Amino acid sequence: AKTGDKELTAMVRLADGSTLVAGAPSGRIYRLGSDDKLTTATRIHAGIVWRMTLDAKGDVWAATGPEGRLFRLHPSGDKVDAVEVAKLNSSNLLGLWIDNEGKMGKAGELYIAGQDPGWVYRATADGKQVDVIYHAQAEEVRAIAPFAEGLALALNTERAPTSQALGLAIRVAGGGISAANAAQQPPPPPTPPPGAGSDPQSAAALNQAFAPSRRSG
């Protein structure tokens, strides 16, 4: 299939074997059937969908930019009902994981990775309450994923790289945050650039290796 959009940015497969595909910058959500037939299922008020994830009830959650809007999509036949659930402080919502089994807290809670600012959010299963649970020492939380000890974060930063800014896991247990308790802490001050005593070649190599990707709506 070919759409009229410049980019296709996210996709998720539904229980019936069809696939939802997000187009940018139109905000259209296409449905690709198992017979390869492409239809426009709905259109949402967002320039780009960064991530779509299926929950245990069969609804699809869409994390978008550049205005930080969170949507819930309910597939119904060939169409999709779309509802804007929340507007978050981060410009782009780049990552999304749904705790369908309640491993970190309550079943169905959503964990959302943001950019500008680089915050991690937790939303209730109905999306009515959203809390900031972590202020990252980075401009961008690019992705989020669960593992045995909590949540793993992929971070990008323009500041001088530090071990805490480049890779991090936050421990979430019983709904609480133990690695940073960042919901009660202000964002950390910017890390200064390498000083005169630093190895300029090593600093340049690190800065190039961990340069952030640019986001646009």
N, C-alpha and C. Protein backbone atom coordinates (compact mmCIF):
# COMPACT_ATOMS: atom_id res chain seq x y z
N ALA A 1 0.84 -1.20 0.00
CA ALA A 1 0.00 0.00 0.00
C ALA A 1 0.87 1.25 0.00
N LYS A 2 0.31 2.33 -0.49
CA LYS A 2 0.99 3.62 -0.47
C LYS A 2 -0.01 4.68 -0.05
N THR A 3 0.41 5.52 0.89
CA THR A 3 -0.48 6.57 1.39
C THR A 3 -0.02 7.93 0.85
N GLY A 4 -0.81 8.95 1.15
CA GLY A 4 -0.44 10.30 0.75
C GLY A 4 0.44 11.01 1.77
N ASP A 5 0.77 10.34 2.87
CA ASP A 5 1.62 10.93 3.90
C ASP A 5 3.09 10.82 3.55
N LYS A 6 3.86 11.76 4.09
CA LYS A 6 5.30 11.73 3.86
C LYS A 6 5.98 10.65 4.69
N GLU A 7 5.41 10.37 5.88
CA GLU A 7 6.03 9.40 6.78
C GLU A 7 4.96 8.49 7.39
N LEU A 8 5.35 7.26 7.64
CA LEU A 8 4.56 6.32 8.44
C LEU A 8 5.39 6.05 9.69
N THR A 9 4.86 6.43 10.84
CA THR A 9 5.73 6.53 12.02
C THR A 9 5.48 5.48 13.10
N ALA A 10 4.33 4.83 13.10
CA ALA A 10 4.03 3.84 14.14
C ALA A 10 3.01 2.85 13.61
N MET A 11 3.04 1.66 14.19
CA MET A 11 2.07 0.65 13.77
C MET A 11 1.83 -0.33 14.90
N VAL A 12 0.64 -0.95 14.89
CA VAL A 12 0.30 -1.95 15.89
C VAL A 12 -0.66 -2.94 15.27
N ARG A 13 -0.50 -4.20 15.60
CA ARG A 13 -1.36 -5.23 15.03
C ARG A 13 -2.51 -5.51 15.99
N LEU A 14 -3.72 -5.64 15.42
CA LEU A 14 -4.91 -5.89 16.22
C LEU A 14 -5.21 -7.38 16.28
N ALA A 15 -6.15 -7.74 17.16
CA ALA A 15 -6.46 -9.15 17.38
C ALA A 15 -7.04 -9.83 16.14
N ASP A 16 -7.70 -9.05 15.26
CA ASP A 16 -8.32 -9.65 14.08
C ASP A 16 -7.33 -9.83 12.92
N GLY A 17 -6.07 -9.50 13.16
CA GLY A 17 -5.05 -9.66 12.13
C GLY A 17 -4.79 -8.43 11.29
N SER A 18 -5.62 -7.40 11.43
CA SER A 18 -5.37 -6.15 10.71
C SER A 18 -4.34 -5.32 11.48
N THR A 19 -3.85 -4.28 10.84
CA THR A 19 -2.80 -3.45 11.43
C THR A 19 -3.18 -1.98 11.31
N LEU A 20 -3.02 -1.25 12.40
CA LEU A 20 -3.17 0.20 12.36
C LEU A 20 -1.82 0.84 12.09
N VAL A 21 -1.82 1.81 11.18
CA VAL A 21 -0.59 2.49 10.78
C VAL A 21 -0.82 3.99 10.88
N ALA A 22 0.10 4.69 11.52
CA ALA A 22 -0.03 6.14 11.70
C ALA A 22 0.75 6.89 10.64
N GLY A 23 0.09 7.87 10.03
CA GLY A 23 0.73 8.69 9.01
C GLY A 23 1.03 10.09 9.52
N ALA A 24 2.11 10.67 9.04
CA ALA A 24 2.51 12.02 9.42
C ALA A 24 2.84 12.82 8.16
N PRO A 25 2.51 14.10 8.14
CA PRO A 25 2.01 14.92 9.26
C PRO A 25 0.49 15.05 9.32
N SER A 26 -0.26 14.20 8.67
CA SER A 26 -1.71 14.38 8.57
C SER A 26 -2.46 13.99 9.84
N GLY A 27 -1.87 13.10 10.65
CA GLY A 27 -2.58 12.57 11.81
C GLY A 27 -3.56 11.47 11.45
N ARG A 28 -3.52 11.00 10.23
CA ARG A 28 -4.42 9.92 9.84
C ARG A 28 -3.95 8.58 10.41
N ILE A 29 -4.92 7.78 10.83
CA ILE A 29 -4.66 6.41 11.26
C ILE A 29 -5.27 5.49 10.21
N TYR A 30 -4.41 4.75 9.53
CA TYR A 30 -4.86 3.84 8.48
C TYR A 30 -5.04 2.43 9.06
N ARG A 31 -5.94 1.69 8.41
CA ARG A 31 -6.14 0.30 8.78
C ARG A 31 -5.80 -0.57 7.59
N LEU A 32 -4.83 -1.44 7.77
CA LEU A 32 -4.41 -2.35 6.72
C LEU A 32 -4.97 -3.73 7.06
N GLY A 33 -5.92 -4.19 6.25
CA GLY A 33 -6.56 -5.46 6.51
C GLY A 33 -5.67 -6.64 6.18
N SER A 34 -6.07 -7.82 6.62
CA SER A 34 -5.30 -9.02 6.33
C SER A 34 -5.29 -9.32 4.83
N ASP A 35 -6.22 -8.68 4.10
CA ASP A 35 -6.26 -8.82 2.64
C ASP A 35 -5.47 -7.73 1.93
N ASP A 36 -4.70 -6.94 2.71
CA ASP A 36 -3.87 -5.84 2.21
C ASP A 36 -4.69 -4.65 1.72
N LYS A 37 -5.96 -4.60 2.07
CA LYS A 37 -6.78 -3.44 1.73
C LYS A 37 -6.52 -2.33 2.74
N LEU A 38 -6.23 -1.12 2.24
CA LEU A 38 -5.91 0.01 3.10
C LEU A 38 -7.07 1.00 3.13
N THR A 39 -7.51 1.35 4.33
CA THR A 39 -8.57 2.35 4.50
C THR A 39 -8.13 3.35 5.57
N THR A 40 -8.72 4.55 5.54
CA THR A 40 -8.47 5.53 6.59
C THR A 40 -9.47 5.28 7.71
N ALA A 41 -8.97 4.89 8.89
CA ALA A 41 -9.84 4.52 10.00
C ALA A 41 -10.29 5.74 10.80
N THR A 42 -9.39 6.71 10.98
CA THR A 42 -9.72 7.93 11.71
C THR A 42 -8.62 8.95 11.50
N ARG A 43 -8.81 10.11 12.05
CA ARG A 43 -7.79 11.17 12.00
C ARG A 43 -7.75 11.85 13.35
N ILE A 44 -6.56 12.00 13.92
CA ILE A 44 -6.43 12.60 15.24
C ILE A 44 -5.73 13.96 15.13
N HIS A 45 -5.90 14.76 16.17
CA HIS A 45 -5.33 16.10 16.20
C HIS A 45 -3.90 16.04 16.72
N ALA A 46 -3.01 15.54 15.88
CA ALA A 46 -1.59 15.45 16.22
C ALA A 46 -0.79 15.33 14.95
N GLY A 47 0.37 15.99 14.93
CA GLY A 47 1.18 15.97 13.72
C GLY A 47 1.90 14.66 13.50
N ILE A 48 2.24 13.97 14.60
CA ILE A 48 3.00 12.75 14.46
C ILE A 48 2.68 11.80 15.61
N VAL A 49 2.52 10.55 15.30
CA VAL A 49 2.32 9.51 16.31
C VAL A 49 3.65 8.77 16.46
N TRP A 50 4.22 8.86 17.65
CA TRP A 50 5.53 8.24 17.87
C TRP A 50 5.41 6.77 18.27
N ARG A 51 4.30 6.42 18.91
CA ARG A 51 4.19 5.05 19.42
C ARG A 51 2.73 4.68 19.58
N MET A 52 2.37 3.45 19.19
CA MET A 52 1.04 2.92 19.44
C MET A 52 1.19 1.56 20.13
N THR A 53 0.38 1.35 21.17
CA THR A 53 0.48 0.12 21.96
C THR A 53 -0.91 -0.39 22.28
N LEU A 54 -1.09 -1.69 22.19
CA LEU A 54 -2.37 -2.34 22.44
C LEU A 54 -2.49 -2.70 23.92
N ASP A 55 -3.65 -2.38 24.53
CA ASP A 55 -3.84 -2.76 25.93
C ASP A 55 -4.63 -4.07 26.03
N ALA A 56 -4.85 -4.52 27.25
CA ALA A 56 -5.48 -5.83 27.47
C ALA A 56 -6.94 -5.85 27.02
N LYS A 57 -7.58 -4.69 26.91
CA LYS A 57 -8.98 -4.62 26.51
C LYS A 57 -9.16 -4.54 25.00
N GLY A 58 -8.05 -4.41 24.27
CA GLY A 58 -8.13 -4.30 22.83
C GLY A 58 -8.12 -2.89 22.31
N ASP A 59 -8.01 -1.90 23.21
CA ASP A 59 -7.87 -0.51 22.78
C ASP A 59 -6.41 -0.22 22.47
N VAL A 60 -6.18 0.79 21.63
CA VAL A 60 -4.83 1.19 21.26
C VAL A 60 -4.55 2.58 21.82
N TRP A 61 -3.42 2.72 22.50
CA TRP A 61 -3.00 4.02 23.02
C TRP A 61 -1.94 4.59 22.09
N ALA A 62 -2.07 5.88 21.80
CA ALA A 62 -1.15 6.54 20.87
C ALA A 62 -0.45 7.70 21.57
N ALA A 63 0.87 7.67 21.59
CA ALA A 63 1.69 8.75 22.15
C ALA A 63 2.15 9.62 21.00
N THR A 64 1.91 10.94 21.09
CA THR A 64 2.09 11.80 19.93
C THR A 64 2.92 13.05 20.23
N GLY A 65 3.19 13.81 19.21
CA GLY A 65 3.84 15.11 19.27
C GLY A 65 3.29 15.97 18.15
N PRO A 66 3.65 17.26 18.10
CA PRO A 66 4.61 17.92 18.98
C PRO A 66 3.95 18.65 20.16
N GLU A 67 2.72 18.28 20.50
CA GLU A 67 2.02 18.95 21.59
C GLU A 67 1.73 18.02 22.77
N GLY A 68 2.39 16.88 22.81
CA GLY A 68 2.31 15.99 23.96
C GLY A 68 0.93 15.43 24.24
N ARG A 69 0.19 15.08 23.21
CA ARG A 69 -1.17 14.57 23.40
C ARG A 69 -1.19 13.05 23.45
N LEU A 70 -1.99 12.52 24.38
CA LEU A 70 -2.16 11.07 24.54
C LEU A 70 -3.58 10.71 24.11
N PHE A 71 -3.68 9.75 23.20
CA PHE A 71 -4.97 9.34 22.65
C PHE A 71 -5.26 7.87 22.96
N ARG A 72 -6.56 7.56 23.07
CA ARG A 72 -7.01 6.17 23.13
C ARG A 72 -7.86 5.90 21.90
N LEU A 73 -7.52 4.84 21.19
CA LEU A 73 -8.20 4.47 19.97
C LEU A 73 -8.97 3.18 20.21
N HIS A 74 -10.26 3.19 19.86
CA HIS A 74 -11.10 2.00 20.05
C HIS A 74 -11.52 1.48 18.69
N PRO A 75 -10.93 0.38 18.22
CA PRO A 75 -11.31 -0.19 16.93
C PRO A 75 -12.74 -0.71 16.97
N SER A 76 -13.51 -0.38 15.94
CA SER A 76 -14.90 -0.82 15.84
C SER A 76 -15.21 -1.08 14.37
N GLY A 77 -15.16 -2.33 14.00
CA GLY A 77 -15.35 -2.66 12.60
C GLY A 77 -14.21 -2.11 11.77
N ASP A 78 -14.55 -1.43 10.67
CA ASP A 78 -13.52 -0.84 9.82
C ASP A 78 -13.08 0.53 10.30
N LYS A 79 -13.78 1.08 11.29
CA LYS A 79 -13.47 2.41 11.78
C LYS A 79 -12.81 2.35 13.16
N VAL A 80 -12.29 3.47 13.58
CA VAL A 80 -11.65 3.59 14.90
C VAL A 80 -12.17 4.85 15.57
N ASP A 81 -12.69 4.71 16.78
CA ASP A 81 -13.10 5.87 17.57
C ASP A 81 -11.89 6.39 18.34
N ALA A 82 -11.57 7.66 18.17
CA ALA A 82 -10.38 8.25 18.79
C ALA A 82 -10.79 9.29 19.83
N VAL A 83 -10.18 9.21 21.01
CA VAL A 83 -10.45 10.15 22.09
C VAL A 83 -9.13 10.68 22.62
N GLU A 84 -9.01 12.01 22.73
CA GLU A 84 -7.84 12.59 23.38
C GLU A 84 -8.03 12.48 24.89
N VAL A 85 -7.11 11.78 25.54
CA VAL A 85 -7.25 11.50 26.97
C VAL A 85 -6.53 12.54 27.82
N ALA A 86 -5.35 12.98 27.40
CA ALA A 86 -4.57 13.91 28.22
C ALA A 86 -3.60 14.67 27.34
N LYS A 87 -3.20 15.84 27.83
CA LYS A 87 -2.15 16.63 27.21
C LYS A 87 -1.05 16.82 28.24
N LEU A 88 0.12 16.27 27.97
CA LEU A 88 1.22 16.26 28.92
C LEU A 88 2.15 17.45 28.69
N ASN A 89 3.06 17.67 29.64
CA ASN A 89 3.96 18.83 29.55
C ASN A 89 5.04 18.66 28.49
N SER A 90 5.46 17.44 28.23
CA SER A 90 6.51 17.20 27.24
C SER A 90 5.96 17.44 25.83
N SER A 91 6.80 18.00 24.97
CA SER A 91 6.37 18.30 23.60
C SER A 91 6.08 17.02 22.81
N ASN A 92 6.99 16.05 22.91
CA ASN A 92 6.83 14.80 22.19
C ASN A 92 6.79 13.64 23.17
N LEU A 93 5.83 12.76 22.98
CA LEU A 93 5.73 11.54 23.78
C LEU A 93 6.29 10.41 22.92
N LEU A 94 7.52 10.01 23.22
CA LEU A 94 8.27 9.15 22.32
C LEU A 94 8.14 7.66 22.63
N GLY A 95 7.90 7.33 23.88
CA GLY A 95 7.85 5.93 24.28
C GLY A 95 6.62 5.64 25.10
N LEU A 96 6.14 4.40 25.04
CA LEU A 96 4.93 4.03 25.76
C LEU A 96 4.97 2.54 26.07
N TRP A 97 4.73 2.22 27.36
CA TRP A 97 4.62 0.82 27.76
C TRP A 97 3.43 0.68 28.68
N ILE A 98 2.62 -0.36 28.48
CA ILE A 98 1.43 -0.60 29.30
C ILE A 98 1.68 -1.81 30.19
N ASP A 99 1.51 -1.62 31.47
CA ASP A 99 1.73 -2.68 32.46
C ASP A 99 0.45 -3.51 32.57
N ASN A 100 0.17 -4.31 31.56
CA ASN A 100 -1.08 -5.07 31.51
C ASN A 100 -1.19 -6.09 32.64
N GLU A 101 -0.06 -6.57 33.14
CA GLU A 101 -0.08 -7.61 34.17
C GLU A 101 0.09 -7.05 35.58
N GLY A 102 0.28 -5.76 35.71
CA GLY A 102 0.46 -5.17 37.04
C GLY A 102 1.78 -5.51 37.70
N LYS A 103 2.84 -5.66 36.92
CA LYS A 103 4.15 -6.00 37.47
C LYS A 103 4.75 -4.86 38.29
N MET A 104 4.49 -3.62 37.89
CA MET A 104 5.09 -2.47 38.56
C MET A 104 4.14 -1.80 39.55
N GLY A 105 2.87 -2.00 39.39
CA GLY A 105 1.88 -1.35 40.23
C GLY A 105 0.52 -1.94 39.95
N LYS A 106 -0.40 -1.10 39.50
CA LYS A 106 -1.75 -1.57 39.17
C LYS A 106 -1.81 -1.99 37.71
N ALA A 107 -2.54 -3.05 37.46
CA ALA A 107 -2.67 -3.56 36.09
C ALA A 107 -3.30 -2.50 35.20
N GLY A 108 -2.74 -2.34 34.01
CA GLY A 108 -3.28 -1.41 33.04
C GLY A 108 -2.68 -0.03 33.08
N GLU A 109 -1.81 0.27 34.04
CA GLU A 109 -1.21 1.59 34.09
C GLU A 109 -0.24 1.78 32.92
N LEU A 110 -0.15 3.04 32.47
CA LEU A 110 0.70 3.37 31.34
C LEU A 110 1.93 4.12 31.82
N TYR A 111 3.07 3.82 31.21
CA TYR A 111 4.32 4.54 31.46
C TYR A 111 4.74 5.19 30.15
N ILE A 112 4.97 6.49 30.20
CA ILE A 112 5.15 7.29 28.99
C ILE A 112 6.46 8.04 29.05
N ALA A 113 7.23 7.99 27.99
CA ALA A 113 8.53 8.66 27.90
C ALA A 113 8.38 9.96 27.11
N GLY A 114 8.87 11.07 27.69
CA GLY A 114 8.70 12.38 27.07
C GLY A 114 10.01 13.02 26.64
N GLN A 115 9.87 14.00 25.76
CA GLN A 115 11.00 14.79 25.28
C GLN A 115 10.64 16.27 25.37
N ASP A 116 11.58 17.07 25.88
CA ASP A 116 11.40 18.52 26.00
C ASP A 116 10.17 18.88 26.83
N PRO A 117 10.21 18.62 28.15
CA PRO A 117 11.32 18.05 28.94
C PRO A 117 11.33 16.53 28.94
N GLY A 118 12.52 15.99 29.31
CA GLY A 118 12.70 14.55 29.37
C GLY A 118 12.16 13.97 30.66
N TRP A 119 10.87 13.77 30.71
CA TRP A 119 10.20 13.25 31.90
C TRP A 119 9.61 11.88 31.62
N VAL A 120 9.41 11.11 32.68
CA VAL A 120 8.68 9.85 32.60
C VAL A 120 7.37 10.03 33.36
N TYR A 121 6.29 9.64 32.73
CA TYR A 121 4.95 9.79 33.30
C TYR A 121 4.33 8.42 33.58
N ARG A 122 3.43 8.41 34.57
CA ARG A 122 2.61 7.22 34.81
C ARG A 122 1.14 7.66 34.79
N ALA A 123 0.35 6.96 33.98
CA ALA A 123 -1.08 7.28 33.87
C ALA A 123 -1.90 6.09 34.32
N THR A 124 -3.04 6.38 34.93
CA THR A 124 -3.95 5.31 35.32
C THR A 124 -4.53 4.64 34.08
N ALA A 125 -5.13 3.47 34.27
CA ALA A 125 -5.61 2.69 33.14
C ALA A 125 -6.66 3.43 32.32
N ASP A 126 -7.42 4.33 32.97
CA ASP A 126 -8.41 5.11 32.24
C ASP A 126 -7.86 6.43 31.73
N GLY A 127 -6.61 6.73 32.08
CA GLY A 127 -5.98 7.96 31.61
C GLY A 127 -6.41 9.22 32.32
N LYS A 128 -7.23 9.09 33.37
CA LYS A 128 -7.76 10.29 34.04
C LYS A 128 -6.76 10.95 34.98
N GLN A 129 -5.76 10.21 35.42
CA GLN A 129 -4.73 10.79 36.29
C GLN A 129 -3.36 10.47 35.71
N VAL A 130 -2.56 11.51 35.55
CA VAL A 130 -1.21 11.36 35.02
C VAL A 130 -0.25 12.04 35.98
N ASP A 131 0.80 11.33 36.40
CA ASP A 131 1.79 11.87 37.32
C ASP A 131 3.17 11.79 36.69
N VAL A 132 4.01 12.78 36.99
CA VAL A 132 5.42 12.72 36.61
C VAL A 132 6.13 11.89 37.67
N ILE A 133 6.78 10.82 37.26
CA ILE A 133 7.46 9.98 38.24
C ILE A 133 8.98 10.08 38.14
N TYR A 134 9.49 10.73 37.07
CA TYR A 134 10.94 10.87 36.97
C TYR A 134 11.32 12.05 36.09
N HIS A 135 12.22 12.89 36.61
CA HIS A 135 12.84 13.97 35.84
C HIS A 135 14.21 13.47 35.39
N ALA A 136 14.37 13.14 34.12
CA ALA A 136 15.65 12.61 33.64
C ALA A 136 16.69 13.72 33.49
N GLN A 137 17.94 13.38 33.68
CA GLN A 137 19.04 14.31 33.42
C GLN A 137 19.36 14.28 31.93
N ALA A 138 18.37 14.50 31.14
CA ALA A 138 18.50 14.46 29.69
C ALA A 138 17.30 15.18 29.10
N GLU A 139 17.48 15.70 27.90
CA GLU A 139 16.38 16.40 27.24
C GLU A 139 15.34 15.44 26.69
N GLU A 140 15.75 14.18 26.49
CA GLU A 140 14.88 13.26 25.78
C GLU A 140 14.95 11.86 26.39
N VAL A 141 13.78 11.34 26.76
CA VAL A 141 13.66 9.91 27.08
C VAL A 141 13.11 9.26 25.82
N ARG A 142 13.98 8.59 25.10
CA ARG A 142 13.62 8.11 23.76
C ARG A 142 12.78 6.85 23.79
N ALA A 143 13.01 5.99 24.76
CA ALA A 143 12.27 4.74 24.82
C ALA A 143 12.22 4.25 26.26
N ILE A 144 11.25 3.40 26.54
CA ILE A 144 11.05 2.88 27.88
C ILE A 144 10.65 1.41 27.75
N ALA A 145 11.19 0.56 28.64
CA ALA A 145 10.88 -0.86 28.57
C ALA A 145 11.05 -1.48 29.95
N PRO A 146 10.25 -2.50 30.26
CA PRO A 146 10.37 -3.15 31.57
C PRO A 146 11.49 -4.19 31.56
N PHE A 147 12.07 -4.42 32.72
CA PHE A 147 12.98 -5.54 32.89
C PHE A 147 12.89 -5.97 34.35
N ALA A 148 13.70 -6.92 34.76
CA ALA A 148 13.50 -7.58 36.05
C ALA A 148 13.49 -6.62 37.24
N GLU A 149 14.30 -5.56 37.18
CA GLU A 149 14.45 -4.68 38.34
C GLU A 149 13.63 -3.40 38.24
N GLY A 150 12.92 -3.20 37.16
CA GLY A 150 12.15 -1.97 37.04
C GLY A 150 11.97 -1.55 35.60
N LEU A 151 12.25 -0.28 35.30
CA LEU A 151 12.10 0.24 33.96
C LEU A 151 13.45 0.67 33.42
N ALA A 152 13.74 0.29 32.20
CA ALA A 152 14.96 0.73 31.53
C ALA A 152 14.62 1.90 30.63
N LEU A 153 15.45 2.94 30.66
CA LEU A 153 15.23 4.14 29.86
C LEU A 153 16.38 4.33 28.88
N ALA A 154 16.04 4.74 27.66
CA ALA A 154 17.04 5.14 26.69
C ALA A 154 17.00 6.66 26.61
N LEU A 155 18.13 7.30 26.94
CA LEU A 155 18.16 8.75 27.07
C LEU A 155 19.10 9.38 26.04
N ASN A 156 18.74 10.57 25.59
CA ASN A 156 19.60 11.40 24.75
C ASN A 156 19.76 12.76 25.41
N THR A 157 20.97 13.30 25.35
CA THR A 157 21.22 14.59 25.98
C THR A 157 22.23 15.40 25.21
N GLU A 158 22.09 16.71 25.24
CA GLU A 158 23.06 17.61 24.61
C GLU A 158 24.12 18.06 25.61
N ARG A 159 23.90 17.76 26.89
CA ARG A 159 24.86 18.16 27.90
C ARG A 159 26.05 17.23 27.88
N ALA A 160 27.11 17.59 28.62
CA ALA A 160 28.28 16.72 28.70
C ALA A 160 27.85 15.37 29.24
N PRO A 161 28.19 14.28 28.56
CA PRO A 161 27.72 12.97 28.99
C PRO A 161 28.19 12.59 30.39
N THR A 162 27.30 12.06 31.17
CA THR A 162 27.63 11.48 32.46
C THR A 162 26.99 10.10 32.51
N SER A 163 27.48 9.26 33.39
CA SER A 163 26.94 7.91 33.48
C SER A 163 25.45 7.92 33.81
N GLN A 164 25.02 8.90 34.60
CA GLN A 164 23.62 8.96 34.99
C GLN A 164 22.75 9.47 33.85
N ALA A 165 23.32 10.30 32.98
CA ALA A 165 22.53 10.89 31.91
C ALA A 165 22.43 9.98 30.69
N LEU A 166 23.37 9.06 30.54
CA LEU A 166 23.40 8.27 29.31
C LEU A 166 22.67 6.95 29.41
N GLY A 167 22.53 6.40 30.57
CA GLY A 167 21.84 5.14 30.70
C GLY A 167 21.31 5.00 32.11
N LEU A 168 20.09 4.54 32.26
CA LEU A 168 19.49 4.56 33.58
C LEU A 168 18.39 3.52 33.67
N ALA A 169 18.27 2.94 34.82
CA ALA A 169 17.12 2.09 35.13
C ALA A 169 16.50 2.60 36.41
N ILE A 170 15.20 2.82 36.41
CA ILE A 170 14.53 3.23 37.64
C ILE A 170 13.72 2.05 38.14
N ARG A 171 13.79 1.83 39.44
CA ARG A 171 13.10 0.69 40.03
C ARG A 171 11.70 1.11 40.44
N VAL A 172 10.73 0.38 39.95
CA VAL A 172 9.34 0.65 40.28
C VAL A 172 8.78 -0.61 40.92
N ALA A 173 8.30 -0.49 42.14
CA ALA A 173 7.75 -1.65 42.84
C ALA A 173 6.54 -1.21 43.65
N GLY A 174 5.43 -1.91 43.48
CA GLY A 174 4.23 -1.58 44.24
C GLY A 174 3.73 -0.18 43.99
N GLY A 175 4.02 0.36 42.82
CA GLY A 175 3.56 1.71 42.49
C GLY A 175 4.51 2.80 42.94
N GLY A 176 5.61 2.46 43.63
CA GLY A 176 6.55 3.47 44.11
C GLY A 176 7.81 3.51 43.28
N ILE A 177 8.52 4.63 43.36
CA ILE A 177 9.77 4.82 42.64
C ILE A 177 10.90 4.81 43.66
N SER A 178 11.91 3.96 43.46
CA SER A 178 12.96 3.87 44.46
C SER A 178 14.30 4.39 44.00
N ALA A 179 14.56 4.44 42.69
CA ALA A 179 15.89 4.81 42.24
C ALA A 179 16.14 6.31 42.29
N ALA A 180 15.10 7.11 42.17
CA ALA A 180 15.31 8.56 42.11
C ALA A 180 14.31 9.34 42.94
N ASN A 181 13.12 8.77 43.12
CA ASN A 181 12.04 9.50 43.79
C ASN A 181 11.88 10.88 43.18
N ALA A 182 11.96 10.92 41.85
CA ALA A 182 12.09 12.20 41.16
C ALA A 182 10.82 13.01 41.11
N ALA A 183 9.69 12.42 41.44
CA ALA A 183 8.46 13.20 41.41
C ALA A 183 8.49 14.32 42.43
N GLN A 184 9.29 14.17 43.49
CA GLN A 184 9.39 15.20 44.50
C GLN A 184 10.64 16.05 44.36
N GLN A 185 11.48 15.76 43.37
CA GLN A 185 12.72 16.49 43.22
C GLN A 185 12.66 17.41 42.01
N PRO A 186 13.25 18.61 42.11
CA PRO A 186 13.31 19.49 40.94
C PRO A 186 14.30 18.94 39.93
N PRO A 187 14.16 19.32 38.65
CA PRO A 187 15.12 18.87 37.65
C PRO A 187 16.53 19.28 38.04
N PRO A 188 17.54 18.43 37.79
CA PRO A 188 18.91 18.77 38.16
C PRO A 188 19.45 19.89 37.30
N PRO A 189 20.44 20.65 37.80
CA PRO A 189 21.04 21.72 36.99
C PRO A 189 21.82 21.14 35.83
N PRO A 190 21.97 21.88 34.75
CA PRO A 190 22.73 21.38 33.61
C PRO A 190 24.16 21.03 33.99
N THR A 191 24.68 19.96 33.42
CA THR A 191 26.06 19.58 33.64
C THR A 191 26.96 20.47 32.80
N PRO A 192 28.00 21.09 33.38
CA PRO A 192 28.88 21.97 32.60
C PRO A 192 29.66 21.17 31.58
N PRO A 193 30.12 21.82 30.52
CA PRO A 193 30.94 21.13 29.52
C PRO A 193 32.27 20.72 30.11
N PRO A 194 32.96 19.78 29.46
CA PRO A 194 34.25 19.33 29.98
C PRO A 194 35.21 20.49 30.18
N GLY A 195 35.92 20.48 31.30
CA GLY A 195 36.83 21.56 31.62
C GLY A 195 38.15 21.42 30.90
N ALA A 196 39.07 22.33 31.24
CA ALA A 196 40.36 22.37 30.56
C ALA A 196 41.15 21.10 30.83
N GLY A 197 40.88 20.44 31.98
CA GLY A 197 41.63 19.25 32.30
C GLY A 197 41.14 18.00 31.60
N SER A 198 40.01 18.09 30.89
CA SER A 198 39.48 16.92 30.22
C SER A 198 40.24 16.63 28.94
N ASP A 199 40.20 15.40 28.52
CA ASP A 199 40.79 15.00 27.26
C ASP A 199 39.87 15.45 26.13
N PRO A 200 40.25 16.43 25.32
CA PRO A 200 39.32 16.96 24.31
C PRO A 200 38.90 15.91 23.29
N GLN A 201 39.81 15.00 22.93
CA GLN A 201 39.43 13.99 21.95
C GLN A 201 38.39 13.04 22.52
N SER A 202 38.57 12.62 23.77
CA SER A 202 37.60 11.72 24.38
C SER A 202 36.27 12.40 24.55
N ALA A 203 36.28 13.68 24.96
CA ALA A 203 35.03 14.41 25.14
C ALA A 203 34.30 14.57 23.82
N ALA A 204 35.05 14.87 22.76
CA ALA A 204 34.42 15.04 21.45
C ALA A 204 33.82 13.73 20.96
N ALA A 205 34.53 12.62 21.22
CA ALA A 205 34.02 11.33 20.78
C ALA A 205 32.73 10.98 21.51
N LEU A 206 32.69 11.26 22.81
CA LEU A 206 31.48 10.96 23.58
C LEU A 206 30.32 11.81 23.12
N ASN A 207 30.59 13.10 22.92
CA ASN A 207 29.52 13.99 22.48
C ASN A 207 28.95 13.57 21.13
N GLN A 208 29.82 13.12 20.24
CA GLN A 208 29.35 12.67 18.94
C GLN A 208 28.58 11.37 19.05
N ALA A 209 29.06 10.47 19.91
CA ALA A 209 28.41 9.16 20.04
C ALA A 209 27.02 9.27 20.62
N PHE A 210 26.84 10.25 21.51
CA PHE A 210 25.55 10.34 22.20
C PHE A 210 24.80 11.60 21.82
N ALA A 211 25.05 12.12 20.63
CA ALA A 211 24.32 13.30 20.17
C ALA A 211 22.85 12.96 20.02
N PRO A 212 21.94 13.84 20.50
CA PRO A 212 20.50 13.55 20.43
C PRO A 212 19.96 13.64 19.03
N SER A 213 18.94 12.86 18.77
CA SER A 213 18.25 12.98 17.49
C SER A 213 17.30 14.17 17.55
N ARG A 214 17.08 14.79 16.43
CA ARG A 214 16.23 15.98 16.37
C ARG A 214 14.78 15.58 16.13
N ARG A 215 13.88 16.24 16.81
CA ARG A 215 12.47 15.94 16.67
C ARG A 215 11.77 17.09 15.95
N SER A 216 10.86 16.75 15.10
CA SER A 216 10.07 17.77 14.43
C SER A 216 8.63 17.28 14.32
N GLY A 217 7.72 18.23 14.32
CA GLY A 217 6.31 17.88 14.22
C GLY A 217 5.85 17.83 12.79
